[in-house]
């Protein structure tokens, strides 16, 4: 199970911190990753940190990794982070929908 732990936004990028609860072989789908706000604005994937891009997988448990996207709108209320279940190398893709950020303190 992959857990969404934190989102941090700067003027240049958005960092999403995730971790695994159980031993899992994890990789990030560079193609087939959707990060969007409630208005439908999509933010391009820039890089992954602490985990490999598919098809190479990293075995991990209780270990943080980050996904980095272009900067998220400070006016956004929620976001979706979805891996395309039909993408090549997709294996148990994660789906986080309507994650509320309206109470976040943007810096």
C-alpha atoms as a PDB file:
ATOM      1  CA  UNK A   1       0.000   0.000   0.000  1.00  0.00           C
ATOM      2  CA  UNK A   2       1.321   3.435  -0.987  1.00  0.00           C
ATOM      3  CA  UNK A   3       0.431   6.308   1.343  1.00  0.00           C
ATOM      4  CA  UNK A   4       0.272   9.975   0.360  1.00  0.00           C
ATOM      5  CA  UNK A   5       2.001  11.746   3.226  1.00  0.00           C
ATOM      6  CA  UNK A   6       2.635  15.376   2.295  1.00  0.00           C
ATOM      7  CA  UNK A   7       2.502  17.984  -0.449  1.00  0.00           C
ATOM      8  CA  UNK A   8       4.873  20.941  -0.533  1.00  0.00           C
ATOM      9  CA  UNK A   9       4.578  23.743  -3.065  1.00  0.00           C
ATOM     10  CA  UNK A  10       7.164  26.353  -4.010  1.00  0.00           C
ATOM     11  CA  UNK A  11       7.258  28.892  -6.829  1.00  0.00           C
ATOM     12  CA  UNK A  12       9.033  26.410  -9.087  1.00  0.00           C
ATOM     13  CA  UNK A  13       7.744  22.962  -8.134  1.00  0.00           C
ATOM     14  CA  UNK A  14       5.311  20.775  -6.235  1.00  0.00           C
ATOM     15  CA  UNK A  15       6.723  17.879  -4.204  1.00  0.00           C
ATOM     16  CA  UNK A  16       4.489  15.030  -3.157  1.00  0.00           C
ATOM     17  CA  UNK A  17       5.873  12.736  -0.462  1.00  0.00           C
ATOM     18  CA  UNK A  18       4.660   9.139  -0.411  1.00  0.00           C
ATOM     19  CA  UNK A  19       5.750   5.969   1.376  1.00  0.00           C
ATOM     20  CA  UNK A  20       4.945   2.269   1.444  1.00  0.00           C
ATOM     21  CA  UNK A  21       3.412   0.548   4.475  1.00  0.00           C
ATOM     22  CA  UNK A  22       4.388  -2.983   3.481  1.00  0.00           C
ATOM     23  CA  UNK A  23       7.364  -4.441   1.636  1.00  0.00           C
ATOM     24  CA  UNK A  24       6.683  -3.530  -1.945  1.00  0.00           C
ATOM     25  CA  UNK A  25       8.557  -3.246  -5.215  1.00  0.00           C
ATOM     26  CA  UNK A  26       7.770   0.271  -6.378  1.00  0.00           C
ATOM     27  CA  UNK A  27       8.385   2.210  -9.555  1.00  0.00           C
ATOM     28  CA  UNK A  28       7.005   5.455 -10.923  1.00  0.00           C
ATOM     29  CA  UNK A  29       5.191   5.619 -14.250  1.00  0.00           C
ATOM     30  CA  UNK A  30       6.731   8.590 -16.029  1.00  0.00           C
ATOM     31  CA  UNK A  31       4.109   8.278 -18.744  1.00  0.00           C
ATOM     32  CA  UNK A  32       0.611   7.722 -17.455  1.00  0.00           C
ATOM     33  CA  UNK A  33       0.884   9.885 -14.326  1.00  0.00           C
ATOM     34  CA  UNK A  34      -1.894  12.447 -13.914  1.00  0.00           C
ATOM     35  CA  UNK A  35      -1.620  15.305 -11.415  1.00  0.00           C
ATOM     36  CA  UNK A  36      -4.443  17.829 -11.674  1.00  0.00           C
ATOM     37  CA  UNK A  37      -6.421  20.257  -9.552  1.00  0.00           C
ATOM     38  CA  UNK A  38     -10.191  20.422  -9.160  1.00  0.00           C
ATOM     39  CA  UNK A  39     -10.428  22.852 -12.111  1.00  0.00           C
ATOM     40  CA  UNK A  40      -8.833  20.293 -14.418  1.00  0.00           C
ATOM     41  CA  UNK A  41      -5.468  22.089 -14.649  1.00  0.00           C
ATOM     42  CA  UNK A  42      -2.777  19.462 -15.180  1.00  0.00           C
ATOM     43  CA  UNK A  43       0.745  19.770 -13.824  1.00  0.00           C
ATOM     44  CA  UNK A  44       3.549  17.955 -15.671  1.00  0.00           C
ATOM     45  CA  UNK A  45       5.705  15.348 -13.951  1.00  0.00           C
ATOM     46  CA  UNK A  46       9.327  16.487 -13.604  1.00  0.00           C
ATOM     47  CA  UNK A  47      11.119  13.730 -11.675  1.00  0.00           C
ATOM     48  CA  UNK A  48      11.016  11.078  -8.974  1.00  0.00           C
ATOM     49  CA  UNK A  49      13.378  11.001  -5.981  1.00  0.00           C
ATOM     50  CA  UNK A  50      14.096   7.963  -3.836  1.00  0.00           C
ATOM     51  CA  UNK A  51      12.465   5.544  -6.268  1.00  0.00           C
ATOM     52  CA  UNK A  52      13.190   4.360  -9.799  1.00  0.00           C
ATOM     53  CA  UNK A  53      11.204   5.018 -12.936  1.00  0.00           C
ATOM     54  CA  UNK A  54       9.457   1.987 -14.420  1.00  0.00           C
ATOM     55  CA  UNK A  55      10.280  -0.679 -15.424  1.00  0.00           C
ATOM     56  CA  UNK A  56      13.071  -0.722 -12.794  1.00  0.00           C
ATOM     57  CA  UNK A  57      11.557  -1.291  -9.342  1.00  0.00           C
ATOM     58  CA  UNK A  58      12.856  -0.355  -5.895  1.00  0.00           C
ATOM     59  CA  UNK A  59      12.099  -2.681  -2.972  1.00  0.00           C
ATOM     60  CA  UNK A  60      11.049  -0.598   0.021  1.00  0.00           C
ATOM     61  CA  UNK A  61       9.037  -0.503   3.240  1.00  0.00           C
ATOM     62  CA  UNK A  62       8.308   2.556   5.408  1.00  0.00           C
ATOM     63  CA  UNK A  63      10.593   4.537   3.141  1.00  0.00           C
ATOM     64  CA  UNK A  64       9.760   7.963   1.733  1.00  0.00           C
ATOM     65  CA  UNK A  65       9.967   8.834  -1.925  1.00  0.00           C
ATOM     66  CA  UNK A  66       9.003  12.003  -3.756  1.00  0.00           C
ATOM     67  CA  UNK A  67       7.268  12.878  -6.986  1.00  0.00           C
ATOM     68  CA  UNK A  68       8.041  16.328  -8.335  1.00  0.00           C
ATOM     69  CA  UNK A  69       5.702  18.275 -10.618  1.00  0.00           C
ATOM     70  CA  UNK A  70       5.519  21.842 -11.878  1.00  0.00           C
ATOM     71  CA  UNK A  71       4.198  24.351  -9.367  1.00  0.00           C
ATOM     72  CA  UNK A  72       0.618  23.790  -8.210  1.00  0.00           C
ATOM     73  CA  UNK A  73      -1.814  26.732  -8.127  1.00  0.00           C
ATOM     74  CA  UNK A  74      -2.058  28.336  -4.648  1.00  0.00           C
ATOM     75  CA  UNK A  75      -5.777  28.858  -5.384  1.00  0.00           C
ATOM     76  CA  UNK A  76      -6.437  25.146  -5.784  1.00  0.00           C
ATOM     77  CA  UNK A  77      -8.762  23.432  -3.320  1.00  0.00           C
ATOM     78  CA  UNK A  78      -8.005  19.792  -4.106  1.00  0.00           C
ATOM     79  CA  UNK A  79      -5.990  17.561  -6.402  1.00  0.00           C
ATOM     80  CA  UNK A  80      -5.990  14.132  -8.004  1.00  0.00           C
ATOM     81  CA  UNK A  81      -2.833  12.046  -8.355  1.00  0.00           C
ATOM     82  CA  UNK A  82      -3.522   9.040 -10.546  1.00  0.00           C
ATOM     83  CA  UNK A  83      -1.376   6.424 -12.232  1.00  0.00           C
ATOM     84  CA  UNK A  84      -2.918   5.154 -15.457  1.00  0.00           C
ATOM     85  CA  UNK A  85      -3.957   1.531 -14.892  1.00  0.00           C
ATOM     86  CA  UNK A  86      -3.525   0.889 -18.633  1.00  0.00           C
ATOM     87  CA  UNK A  87       0.011   2.284 -18.830  1.00  0.00           C
ATOM     88  CA  UNK A  88       2.891   0.000 -19.699  1.00  0.00           C
ATOM     89  CA  UNK A  89       4.452  -1.398 -16.486  1.00  0.00           C
ATOM     90  CA  UNK A  90       1.405  -0.471 -14.392  1.00  0.00           C
ATOM     91  CA  UNK A  91       1.132  -2.882 -11.483  1.00  0.00           C
ATOM     92  CA  UNK A  92      -1.389  -1.936  -8.793  1.00  0.00           C
ATOM     93  CA  UNK A  93      -1.366   1.753  -9.768  1.00  0.00           C
ATOM     94  CA  UNK A  94      -2.241   4.234  -7.070  1.00  0.00           C
ATOM     95  CA  UNK A  95      -5.191   6.603  -7.170  1.00  0.00           C
ATOM     96  CA  UNK A  96      -5.600   9.591  -4.864  1.00  0.00           C
ATOM     97  CA  UNK A  97      -8.684  11.629  -5.752  1.00  0.00           C
ATOM     98  CA  UNK A  98     -10.061  14.890  -4.377  1.00  0.00           C
ATOM     99  CA  UNK A  99      -7.265  15.309  -1.824  1.00  0.00           C
ATOM    100  CA  UNK A 100      -8.273  18.453   0.094  1.00  0.00           C
ATOM    101  CA  UNK A 101      -5.599  21.137   0.342  1.00  0.00           C
ATOM    102  CA  UNK A 102      -7.894  24.037   1.262  1.00  0.00           C
ATOM    103  CA  UNK A 103      -6.623  24.078   4.866  1.00  0.00           C
ATOM    104  CA  UNK A 104      -2.935  23.981   3.901  1.00  0.00           C
ATOM    105  CA  UNK A 105      -0.656  26.909   4.640  1.00  0.00           C
ATOM    106  CA  UNK A 106       0.980  27.807   1.342  1.00  0.00           C
ATOM    107  CA  UNK A 107       4.490  29.245   1.610  1.00  0.00           C
END
